[in-house]
Amino acid sequence: MSFNSELQLFGVIKGTCPDNKTDRSVYNRRRRKLFDCTEKIRRQPSQKFSCPSNLFIIDSTPVEICKTSRANRSSICTADKIRPEFGYCAAAKTHCFGFKLHAVCDENAVIHSFDFTPASVHDVNYLKM
């Protein structure tokens, strides 16, 4: 069984085992602490399946956290190290407020790395970071 979002996960487990259920804020803290571990697990298959390659492809997609009209009032992610910003998506020809998900893969479509940046970071500038 797979869950597409945290909201969906907590909706499914609502009402089941109320004594043992983890609080949502505790869940998020644990998830953030385990990020390095999950990143190591994610990298292992890409290293095993990957052939040495000189060709890499970078692509990004906007991750909008709120509509542009609410951006100045939004307090989402303001305490994080990387803060959301205004950006432009050339493919959709739209402006957005939030982040960009950058992914680097080889010609065999094996993802080698991914990262979130503010929405204003262009794909070319992502390489310089």
N, C-alpha and C. Protein backbone atom coordinates (compact mmCIF):
# COMPACT_ATOMS: atom_id res chain seq x y z
N MET A 1 0.84 -1.17 0.00
CA MET A 1 0.00 0.00 0.00
C MET A 1 0.89 1.24 0.00
N SER A 2 0.52 2.20 -0.81
CA SER A 2 1.32 3.42 -0.93
C SER A 2 0.45 4.63 -0.62
N PHE A 3 1.06 5.63 -0.02
CA PHE A 3 0.35 6.87 0.31
C PHE A 3 1.00 8.01 -0.45
N ASN A 4 0.19 8.82 -1.09
CA ASN A 4 0.71 9.92 -1.89
C ASN A 4 0.99 11.16 -1.07
N SER A 5 0.46 11.24 0.12
CA SER A 5 0.68 12.43 0.93
C SER A 5 0.57 12.08 2.41
N GLU A 6 1.11 12.97 3.21
CA GLU A 6 1.01 12.81 4.66
C GLU A 6 -0.45 12.90 5.11
N LEU A 7 -1.21 13.78 4.48
CA LEU A 7 -2.63 13.93 4.80
C LEU A 7 -3.38 12.62 4.55
N GLN A 8 -3.08 11.96 3.43
CA GLN A 8 -3.72 10.69 3.12
C GLN A 8 -3.34 9.62 4.15
N LEU A 9 -2.07 9.57 4.54
CA LEU A 9 -1.60 8.60 5.53
C LEU A 9 -2.33 8.78 6.85
N PHE A 10 -2.39 10.01 7.36
CA PHE A 10 -3.04 10.24 8.64
C PHE A 10 -4.55 10.09 8.55
N GLY A 11 -5.12 10.28 7.36
CA GLY A 11 -6.55 10.03 7.18
C GLY A 11 -6.88 8.55 7.28
N VAL A 12 -5.99 7.71 6.77
CA VAL A 12 -6.21 6.26 6.80
C VAL A 12 -6.04 5.71 8.21
N ILE A 13 -5.03 6.20 8.94
CA ILE A 13 -4.77 5.65 10.27
C ILE A 13 -5.60 6.30 11.37
N LYS A 14 -6.40 7.30 11.01
CA LYS A 14 -7.25 7.96 12.00
C LYS A 14 -8.25 6.96 12.57
N GLY A 15 -8.27 6.85 13.87
CA GLY A 15 -9.21 5.94 14.52
C GLY A 15 -8.70 4.53 14.71
N THR A 16 -7.53 4.23 14.20
CA THR A 16 -6.96 2.89 14.39
C THR A 16 -5.87 2.96 15.44
N CYS A 17 -5.91 2.10 16.40
CA CYS A 17 -4.90 2.03 17.47
C CYS A 17 -4.63 3.40 18.09
N PRO A 18 -5.62 4.04 18.70
CA PRO A 18 -5.40 5.39 19.23
C PRO A 18 -4.33 5.47 20.31
N ASP A 19 -4.07 4.37 21.04
CA ASP A 19 -3.05 4.42 22.10
C ASP A 19 -1.64 4.45 21.54
N ASN A 20 -1.43 3.83 20.40
CA ASN A 20 -0.08 3.71 19.84
C ASN A 20 0.20 4.68 18.70
N LYS A 21 -0.76 5.50 18.35
CA LYS A 21 -0.60 6.39 17.20
C LYS A 21 0.37 7.53 17.52
N THR A 22 1.29 7.76 16.61
CA THR A 22 2.26 8.84 16.74
C THR A 22 1.60 10.16 16.39
N ASP A 23 1.88 11.19 17.17
CA ASP A 23 1.39 12.52 16.89
C ASP A 23 2.02 13.02 15.59
N ARG A 24 1.29 13.84 14.87
CA ARG A 24 1.77 14.31 13.56
C ARG A 24 3.07 15.10 13.67
N SER A 25 3.20 15.95 14.68
CA SER A 25 4.44 16.73 14.83
C SER A 25 5.62 15.83 15.18
N VAL A 26 5.37 14.79 15.98
CA VAL A 26 6.43 13.82 16.32
C VAL A 26 6.84 13.06 15.06
N TYR A 27 5.84 12.68 14.27
CA TYR A 27 6.12 11.99 13.00
C TYR A 27 7.02 12.85 12.11
N ASN A 28 6.69 14.13 11.97
CA ASN A 28 7.49 15.02 11.12
C ASN A 28 8.90 15.20 11.65
N ARG A 29 9.05 15.32 12.97
CA ARG A 29 10.39 15.43 13.55
C ARG A 29 11.22 14.19 13.26
N ARG A 30 10.63 13.03 13.44
CA ARG A 30 11.34 11.77 13.18
C ARG A 30 11.69 11.63 11.71
N ARG A 31 10.76 12.03 10.84
CA ARG A 31 11.01 11.94 9.40
C ARG A 31 12.18 12.82 9.00
N ARG A 32 12.25 14.03 9.55
CA ARG A 32 13.38 14.93 9.24
C ARG A 32 14.69 14.39 9.78
N LYS A 33 14.67 13.79 10.96
CA LYS A 33 15.89 13.22 11.53
C LYS A 33 16.38 12.01 10.73
N LEU A 34 15.47 11.28 10.11
CA LEU A 34 15.83 10.10 9.34
C LEU A 34 16.18 10.41 7.89
N PHE A 35 16.19 11.69 7.51
CA PHE A 35 16.43 12.04 6.11
C PHE A 35 17.76 11.51 5.60
N ASP A 36 18.84 11.67 6.38
CA ASP A 36 20.15 11.19 5.94
C ASP A 36 20.15 9.69 5.72
N CYS A 37 19.48 8.97 6.58
CA CYS A 37 19.40 7.51 6.45
C CYS A 37 18.61 7.11 5.20
N THR A 38 17.48 7.75 4.97
CA THR A 38 16.69 7.42 3.78
C THR A 38 17.42 7.83 2.51
N GLU A 39 18.21 8.89 2.57
CA GLU A 39 19.00 9.32 1.41
C GLU A 39 20.06 8.27 1.07
N LYS A 40 20.70 7.69 2.08
CA LYS A 40 21.69 6.62 1.83
C LYS A 40 21.01 5.41 1.20
N ILE A 41 19.84 5.07 1.69
CA ILE A 41 19.09 3.93 1.13
C ILE A 41 18.70 4.21 -0.31
N ARG A 42 18.30 5.44 -0.61
CA ARG A 42 17.91 5.80 -1.98
C ARG A 42 19.10 5.74 -2.93
N ARG A 43 20.28 6.12 -2.47
CA ARG A 43 21.46 6.16 -3.34
C ARG A 43 22.00 4.78 -3.68
N GLN A 44 21.82 3.81 -2.81
CA GLN A 44 22.38 2.48 -3.06
C GLN A 44 21.88 1.85 -4.36
N PRO A 45 20.58 1.82 -4.64
CA PRO A 45 20.15 1.24 -5.92
C PRO A 45 20.66 2.02 -7.13
N SER A 46 20.71 3.34 -7.04
CA SER A 46 21.18 4.11 -8.19
C SER A 46 22.65 3.83 -8.47
N GLN A 47 23.44 3.56 -7.43
CA GLN A 47 24.85 3.23 -7.63
C GLN A 47 25.01 1.83 -8.21
N LYS A 48 24.16 0.89 -7.83
CA LYS A 48 24.28 -0.48 -8.32
C LYS A 48 23.80 -0.61 -9.76
N PHE A 49 22.72 0.08 -10.11
CA PHE A 49 22.16 -0.04 -11.45
C PHE A 49 22.82 0.88 -12.46
N SER A 50 23.58 1.81 -11.99
CA SER A 50 24.13 2.83 -12.86
C SER A 50 25.43 2.36 -13.53
N CYS A 51 25.49 2.58 -14.81
CA CYS A 51 26.74 2.37 -15.54
C CYS A 51 27.46 3.72 -15.55
N PRO A 52 28.79 3.70 -15.62
CA PRO A 52 29.50 4.98 -15.69
C PRO A 52 28.99 5.79 -16.88
N SER A 53 28.66 7.02 -16.63
CA SER A 53 28.07 7.84 -17.67
C SER A 53 28.70 9.22 -17.69
N ASN A 54 28.79 9.77 -18.88
CA ASN A 54 29.27 11.14 -19.04
C ASN A 54 28.12 12.09 -19.38
N LEU A 55 26.94 11.55 -19.55
CA LEU A 55 25.78 12.34 -19.93
C LEU A 55 24.76 12.34 -18.79
N PHE A 56 24.44 13.53 -18.31
CA PHE A 56 23.44 13.67 -17.26
C PHE A 56 22.40 14.69 -17.70
N ILE A 57 21.18 14.47 -17.26
CA ILE A 57 20.07 15.34 -17.63
C ILE A 57 19.51 15.96 -16.35
N ILE A 58 19.31 17.27 -16.39
CA ILE A 58 18.75 17.99 -15.24
C ILE A 58 17.38 18.51 -15.63
N ASP A 59 16.43 18.31 -14.77
CA ASP A 59 15.10 18.85 -15.00
C ASP A 59 14.53 19.31 -13.67
N SER A 60 13.58 20.20 -13.74
CA SER A 60 12.98 20.70 -12.51
C SER A 60 11.49 20.87 -12.71
N THR A 61 10.80 20.89 -11.59
CA THR A 61 9.37 21.14 -11.60
C THR A 61 9.03 22.02 -10.41
N PRO A 62 8.13 22.98 -10.58
CA PRO A 62 7.79 23.83 -9.45
C PRO A 62 6.96 23.08 -8.41
N VAL A 63 7.19 23.40 -7.16
CA VAL A 63 6.41 22.87 -6.05
C VAL A 63 5.78 24.08 -5.36
N GLU A 64 4.56 24.38 -5.75
CA GLU A 64 3.88 25.58 -5.26
C GLU A 64 3.33 25.31 -3.86
N ILE A 65 3.66 26.18 -2.90
CA ILE A 65 3.17 25.97 -1.54
C ILE A 65 1.90 26.76 -1.26
N CYS A 66 1.67 27.82 -2.03
CA CYS A 66 0.41 28.55 -1.94
C CYS A 66 0.26 29.39 -3.20
N LYS A 67 -0.92 29.88 -3.43
CA LYS A 67 -1.16 30.71 -4.61
C LYS A 67 -0.39 32.02 -4.48
N THR A 68 -0.06 32.60 -5.60
CA THR A 68 0.75 33.81 -5.63
C THR A 68 0.10 34.95 -4.85
N SER A 69 -1.22 35.05 -4.88
CA SER A 69 -1.91 36.13 -4.18
C SER A 69 -1.77 36.03 -2.66
N ARG A 70 -1.52 34.84 -2.13
CA ARG A 70 -1.38 34.66 -0.68
C ARG A 70 0.07 34.59 -0.22
N ALA A 71 0.99 34.73 -1.13
CA ALA A 71 2.41 34.52 -0.81
C ALA A 71 2.93 35.47 0.26
N ASN A 72 2.53 36.72 0.23
CA ASN A 72 3.04 37.70 1.21
C ASN A 72 2.51 37.45 2.61
N ARG A 73 1.36 36.78 2.73
CA ARG A 73 0.79 36.49 4.04
C ARG A 73 1.15 35.10 4.54
N SER A 74 1.77 34.30 3.69
CA SER A 74 2.05 32.91 4.03
C SER A 74 3.17 32.79 5.06
N SER A 75 2.96 31.91 6.03
CA SER A 75 4.01 31.63 7.01
C SER A 75 4.55 30.21 6.85
N ILE A 76 4.18 29.57 5.76
CA ILE A 76 4.63 28.20 5.50
C ILE A 76 6.13 28.21 5.19
N CYS A 77 6.85 27.35 5.86
CA CYS A 77 8.30 27.15 5.64
C CYS A 77 9.16 28.37 5.95
N THR A 78 8.66 29.32 6.71
CA THR A 78 9.46 30.51 7.00
C THR A 78 10.56 30.22 8.01
N ALA A 79 10.43 29.16 8.78
CA ALA A 79 11.46 28.82 9.77
C ALA A 79 12.54 27.92 9.19
N ASP A 80 12.35 27.44 7.97
CA ASP A 80 13.32 26.53 7.36
C ASP A 80 14.54 27.28 6.85
N LYS A 81 15.62 26.52 6.64
CA LYS A 81 16.87 27.10 6.17
C LYS A 81 16.70 27.67 4.75
N ILE A 82 16.02 26.93 3.89
CA ILE A 82 15.74 27.40 2.53
C ILE A 82 14.29 27.86 2.51
N ARG A 83 14.09 29.14 2.21
CA ARG A 83 12.75 29.72 2.24
C ARG A 83 12.14 29.74 0.84
N PRO A 84 10.82 29.68 0.76
CA PRO A 84 10.16 29.75 -0.55
C PRO A 84 10.33 31.13 -1.17
N GLU A 85 10.35 31.18 -2.49
CA GLU A 85 10.48 32.44 -3.23
C GLU A 85 9.56 32.40 -4.44
N PHE A 86 9.45 33.56 -5.11
CA PHE A 86 8.71 33.63 -6.36
C PHE A 86 9.59 33.09 -7.47
N GLY A 87 8.98 32.38 -8.39
CA GLY A 87 9.72 31.84 -9.52
C GLY A 87 8.84 31.77 -10.75
N TYR A 88 9.45 31.42 -11.87
CA TYR A 88 8.75 31.33 -13.14
C TYR A 88 8.95 29.95 -13.73
N CYS A 89 7.90 29.33 -14.18
CA CYS A 89 7.97 28.05 -14.87
C CYS A 89 7.76 28.31 -16.35
N ALA A 90 8.83 28.17 -17.13
CA ALA A 90 8.76 28.47 -18.56
C ALA A 90 7.88 27.47 -19.31
N ALA A 91 7.88 26.22 -18.89
CA ALA A 91 7.08 25.19 -19.58
C ALA A 91 5.58 25.49 -19.46
N ALA A 92 5.15 25.91 -18.27
CA ALA A 92 3.73 26.21 -18.05
C ALA A 92 3.42 27.69 -18.26
N LYS A 93 4.48 28.50 -18.43
CA LYS A 93 4.35 29.95 -18.60
C LYS A 93 3.55 30.58 -17.46
N THR A 94 3.92 30.19 -16.23
CA THR A 94 3.24 30.71 -15.05
C THR A 94 4.26 31.10 -13.98
N HIS A 95 3.84 32.00 -13.12
CA HIS A 95 4.64 32.35 -11.95
C HIS A 95 4.13 31.53 -10.77
N CYS A 96 5.02 31.22 -9.85
CA CYS A 96 4.59 30.46 -8.68
C CYS A 96 5.38 30.92 -7.46
N PHE A 97 4.88 30.55 -6.29
CA PHE A 97 5.55 30.84 -5.03
C PHE A 97 5.80 29.52 -4.34
N GLY A 98 7.07 29.25 -4.07
CA GLY A 98 7.40 27.99 -3.40
C GLY A 98 8.81 27.55 -3.69
N PHE A 99 8.93 26.32 -4.13
CA PHE A 99 10.23 25.71 -4.36
C PHE A 99 10.28 25.09 -5.74
N LYS A 100 11.47 24.62 -6.12
CA LYS A 100 11.64 23.81 -7.32
C LYS A 100 12.30 22.51 -6.90
N LEU A 101 11.82 21.44 -7.48
CA LEU A 101 12.43 20.13 -7.28
C LEU A 101 13.32 19.88 -8.50
N HIS A 102 14.63 19.83 -8.28
CA HIS A 102 15.60 19.56 -9.35
C HIS A 102 16.01 18.10 -9.26
N ALA A 103 16.02 17.41 -10.38
CA ALA A 103 16.46 16.01 -10.43
C ALA A 103 17.54 15.86 -11.49
N VAL A 104 18.57 15.07 -11.16
CA VAL A 104 19.66 14.78 -12.08
C VAL A 104 19.62 13.29 -12.37
N CYS A 105 19.49 12.93 -13.65
CA CYS A 105 19.48 11.51 -14.02
C CYS A 105 20.40 11.28 -15.21
N ASP A 106 20.76 10.02 -15.44
CA ASP A 106 21.62 9.69 -16.57
C ASP A 106 20.75 9.29 -17.77
N GLU A 107 21.41 8.88 -18.86
CA GLU A 107 20.65 8.55 -20.08
C GLU A 107 19.82 7.29 -19.93
N ASN A 108 20.05 6.51 -18.88
CA ASN A 108 19.25 5.32 -18.60
C ASN A 108 18.07 5.62 -17.67
N ALA A 109 17.85 6.89 -17.39
CA ALA A 109 16.75 7.37 -16.54
C ALA A 109 16.90 6.95 -15.08
N VAL A 110 18.14 6.73 -14.64
CA VAL A 110 18.40 6.44 -13.23
C VAL A 110 18.66 7.77 -12.53
N ILE A 111 17.86 8.09 -11.53
CA ILE A 111 18.02 9.35 -10.81
C ILE A 111 19.23 9.24 -9.88
N HIS A 112 20.16 10.18 -10.04
CA HIS A 112 21.37 10.18 -9.21
C HIS A 112 21.24 11.12 -8.02
N SER A 113 20.53 12.20 -8.20
CA SER A 113 20.32 13.11 -7.07
C SER A 113 19.09 13.97 -7.34
N PHE A 114 18.56 14.51 -6.26
CA PHE A 114 17.47 15.47 -6.36
C PHE A 114 17.59 16.42 -5.18
N ASP A 115 17.03 17.60 -5.36
CA ASP A 115 17.16 18.61 -4.32
C ASP A 115 16.06 19.65 -4.48
N PHE A 116 15.69 20.27 -3.37
CA PHE A 116 14.74 21.37 -3.39
C PHE A 116 15.51 22.68 -3.30
N THR A 117 15.13 23.64 -4.12
CA THR A 117 15.71 24.98 -4.07
C THR A 117 14.55 25.98 -4.08
N PRO A 118 14.83 27.24 -3.75
CA PRO A 118 13.78 28.25 -3.92
C PRO A 118 13.33 28.29 -5.39
N ALA A 119 12.10 28.67 -5.63
CA ALA A 119 11.54 28.64 -6.99
C ALA A 119 12.26 29.56 -7.96
N SER A 120 13.02 30.52 -7.46
CA SER A 120 13.70 31.47 -8.34
C SER A 120 14.99 30.91 -8.95
N VAL A 121 15.45 29.75 -8.51
CA VAL A 121 16.71 29.18 -9.00
C VAL A 121 16.49 28.50 -10.36
N HIS A 122 17.25 28.93 -11.36
CA HIS A 122 17.18 28.36 -12.70
C HIS A 122 17.97 27.05 -12.74
N ASP A 123 17.61 26.16 -13.67
CA ASP A 123 18.30 24.87 -13.77
C ASP A 123 19.81 25.02 -13.95
N VAL A 124 20.23 25.97 -14.75
CA VAL A 124 21.66 26.18 -14.98
C VAL A 124 22.34 26.64 -13.70
N ASN A 125 21.69 27.50 -12.95
CA ASN A 125 22.27 27.98 -11.69
C ASN A 125 22.25 26.92 -10.60
N TYR A 126 21.39 25.92 -10.73
CA TYR A 126 21.37 24.82 -9.77
C TYR A 126 22.70 24.08 -9.78
N LEU A 127 23.31 23.95 -10.93
CA LEU A 127 24.61 23.28 -11.04
C LEU A 127 25.70 24.03 -10.30
N LYS A 128 25.58 25.34 -10.22
CA LYS A 128 26.60 26.16 -9.57
C LYS A 128 26.51 26.12 -8.06
N MET A 129 25.39 25.63 -7.54
CA MET A 129 25.18 25.63 -6.08
C MET A 129 25.96 24.53 -5.40
